Amino acid sequence: MNDLAATFSYQGQPKEAEKLEVEVLEIRRRVLGPEHPNTLRSMHSLGVTYQWQQRWGEAKELLAKSAELSQKVMGDHHPLTQQRILDLSECLEEEAQNCSIAGEAPVSLSKVAKHFPMSCLLSQWNCILNIQEGKSLDWSGRENLAEEH
């Protein structure tokens, strides 16, 4: 169901995606528990769907919660934790841009920083720099250099 929801999102059908994502998240919370990695994945996916719909309050709530729980369950330096923090910061940035266009007060990106330790945020930036230098990380967060032939 989660993959079908993603398909709806990519096809520009956010309402259909949202319905499935809400259902999947409820089932996973009930069956797997609120901190299971698959539950966190569903929470993050629904947050991104809300972000695409510019439903900033709902998006920020789910993206922040999935990032915080990922940090707790998987650790500060896990690639999924890093991605969820990045997605939350992008959501806040998009909201700030849309608010400034509409003449509203923009949201400060420092709101992200107050929820996560500096070491986690620095690790995110290091990860980005490593990718720019052609390095990649495996799912454990360890550096994985491709061999040149």
Protein backbone atom coordinates (compact mmCIF):
# COMPACT_ATOMS: atom_id res chain seq x y z
CA MET A 1 0.00 0.00 0.00
CA ASN A 2 2.87 2.34 0.77
CA ASP A 3 4.30 1.84 -2.74
CA LEU A 4 0.87 2.46 -4.28
CA ALA A 5 0.64 5.70 -2.29
CA ALA A 6 4.05 6.73 -3.65
CA THR A 7 2.84 5.98 -7.17
CA PHE A 8 -0.19 8.22 -6.64
CA SER A 9 2.12 10.99 -5.39
CA TYR A 10 4.40 10.74 -8.41
CA GLN A 11 1.39 10.76 -10.73
CA GLY A 12 0.19 14.03 -9.21
CA GLN A 13 -2.66 12.52 -7.20
CA PRO A 14 -1.82 13.72 -3.67
CA LYS A 15 -5.29 13.18 -2.18
CA GLU A 16 -5.29 9.50 -3.16
CA ALA A 17 -1.73 9.14 -1.85
CA GLU A 18 -2.69 10.83 1.40
CA LYS A 19 -5.62 8.48 2.02
CA LEU A 20 -3.42 5.41 1.64
CA GLU A 21 -0.54 6.89 3.63
CA VAL A 22 -2.83 7.76 6.55
CA GLU A 23 -4.20 4.21 6.53
CA VAL A 24 -0.74 2.63 6.32
CA LEU A 25 0.58 4.83 9.14
CA GLU A 26 -2.35 3.92 11.41
CA ILE A 27 -1.89 0.19 10.71
CA ARG A 28 1.87 0.31 11.26
CA ARG A 29 1.53 2.26 14.51
CA ARG A 30 -0.97 -0.30 15.79
CA VAL A 31 0.82 -3.46 14.56
CA LEU A 32 4.51 -2.53 14.65
CA GLY A 33 4.54 0.25 17.22
CA PRO A 34 5.27 3.99 16.99
CA GLU A 35 9.08 3.66 16.84
CA HIS A 36 9.44 0.83 14.32
CA PRO A 37 11.52 1.89 11.27
CA ASN A 38 8.64 1.06 8.88
CA THR A 39 6.27 3.20 10.96
CA LEU A 40 8.80 6.03 10.77
CA ARG A 41 9.02 5.58 7.00
CA SER A 42 5.25 5.90 6.70
CA MET A 43 5.21 8.94 8.98
CA HIS A 44 7.91 10.59 6.86
CA SER A 45 6.11 9.75 3.59
CA LEU A 46 2.86 11.31 4.83
CA GLY A 47 4.79 14.38 5.99
CA VAL A 48 6.32 14.77 2.53
CA THR A 49 2.87 14.42 0.96
CA TYR A 50 1.59 17.21 3.20
CA GLN A 51 4.63 19.29 2.24
CA TRP A 52 3.83 18.84 -1.47
CA GLN A 53 0.31 20.05 -0.68
CA GLN A 54 1.77 23.06 1.19
CA ARG A 55 0.07 21.95 4.39
CA TRP A 56 3.00 23.26 6.41
CA GLY A 57 1.73 22.65 9.94
CA GLU A 58 0.91 18.99 9.35
CA ALA A 59 4.07 18.46 7.30
CA LYS A 60 6.36 19.99 9.93
CA GLU A 61 4.74 17.99 12.72
CA LEU A 62 5.21 14.62 10.98
CA LEU A 63 8.64 15.40 9.52
CA ALA A 64 9.94 16.61 12.89
CA LYS A 65 8.49 13.59 14.72
CA SER A 66 9.93 11.12 12.19
CA ALA A 67 13.34 12.83 12.40
CA GLU A 68 13.32 12.84 16.21
CA LEU A 69 12.27 9.20 16.46
CA SER A 70 14.79 8.18 13.77
CA GLN A 71 17.47 9.90 15.79
CA LYS A 72 16.37 7.99 18.89
CA VAL A 73 16.01 4.59 17.17
CA MET A 74 18.78 4.66 14.56
CA GLY A 75 21.16 7.30 15.91
CA ASP A 76 22.32 10.75 14.88
CA HIS A 77 24.52 9.63 12.01
CA HIS A 78 22.29 7.10 10.28
CA PRO A 79 21.56 8.10 6.65
CA LEU A 80 17.77 7.91 7.18
CA THR A 81 18.01 10.20 10.21
CA GLN A 82 20.11 12.60 8.17
CA GLN A 83 17.66 12.52 5.26
CA ARG A 84 14.69 13.18 7.55
CA ILE A 85 16.44 16.16 9.14
CA LEU A 86 17.27 17.48 5.68
CA ASP A 87 13.65 17.05 4.55
CA LEU A 88 12.42 18.90 7.65
CA SER A 89 14.80 21.78 6.98
CA GLU A 90 13.68 21.90 3.33
CA CYS A 91 10.04 22.00 4.47
CA LEU A 92 10.79 24.92 6.79
CA GLU A 93 12.68 26.68 4.01
CA GLU A 94 9.82 26.19 1.53
CA GLU A 95 7.35 27.43 4.10
CA ALA A 96 9.51 30.49 4.75
CA GLN A 97 9.72 31.25 1.03
CA ASN A 98 5.97 30.90 0.58
CA CYS A 99 5.26 32.99 3.67
CA SER A 100 7.59 35.77 2.52
CA ILE A 101 5.90 35.79 -0.90
CA ALA A 102 2.53 36.04 0.86
CA GLY A 103 3.83 38.81 3.16
CA GLU A 104 3.79 36.66 6.30
CA ALA A 105 6.62 36.27 8.79
CA PRO A 106 9.08 33.57 7.65
CA VAL A 107 9.95 30.62 9.86
CA SER A 108 13.51 30.48 11.19
CA LEU A 109 15.61 27.47 10.22
CA SER A 110 17.05 27.62 13.73
CA LYS A 111 13.91 25.74 14.79
CA VAL A 112 15.50 22.64 13.27
CA ALA A 113 18.77 23.19 15.11
CA LYS A 114 17.12 23.39 18.54
CA HIS A 115 15.73 19.84 18.19
CA PHE A 116 18.95 18.14 17.10
CA PRO A 117 22.44 18.16 18.55
CA MET A 118 25.09 20.08 16.66
CA SER A 119 27.03 16.86 16.03
CA CYS A 120 24.03 15.49 14.13
CA LEU A 121 23.71 18.61 11.99
CA LEU A 122 27.46 18.69 11.31
CA SER A 123 27.31 15.05 10.31
CA GLN A 124 24.57 15.90 7.83
CA TRP A 125 26.76 18.56 6.23
CA ASN A 126 29.75 16.19 6.16
CA CYS A 127 27.59 13.62 4.41
CA ILE A 128 26.62 16.19 1.77
CA LEU A 129 30.27 17.17 1.28
CA ASN A 130 31.30 13.51 0.93
CA ILE A 131 28.67 12.97 -1.74
CA GLN A 132 29.88 16.06 -3.60
CA GLU A 133 33.41 14.62 -3.48
CA GLY A 134 32.21 11.36 -5.04
CA LYS A 135 32.12 9.32 -1.84
CA SER A 136 29.05 7.45 -0.70
CA LEU A 137 27.87 5.98 2.58
CA ASP A 138 26.35 2.57 3.13
CA TRP A 139 23.16 2.21 5.23
CA SER A 140 25.17 1.97 8.44
CA GLY A 141 26.64 5.41 7.78
CA ARG A 142 30.13 4.05 7.02
CA GLU A 143 32.07 5.40 4.09
CA ASN A 144 31.87 3.20 1.01
CA LEU A 145 34.42 4.18 -1.64
CA ALA A 146 33.82 2.75 -5.09
CA GLU A 147 36.82 1.03 -6.58
CA GLU A 148 38.09 2.47 -9.83
CA HIS A 149 38.82 -0.07 -12.55
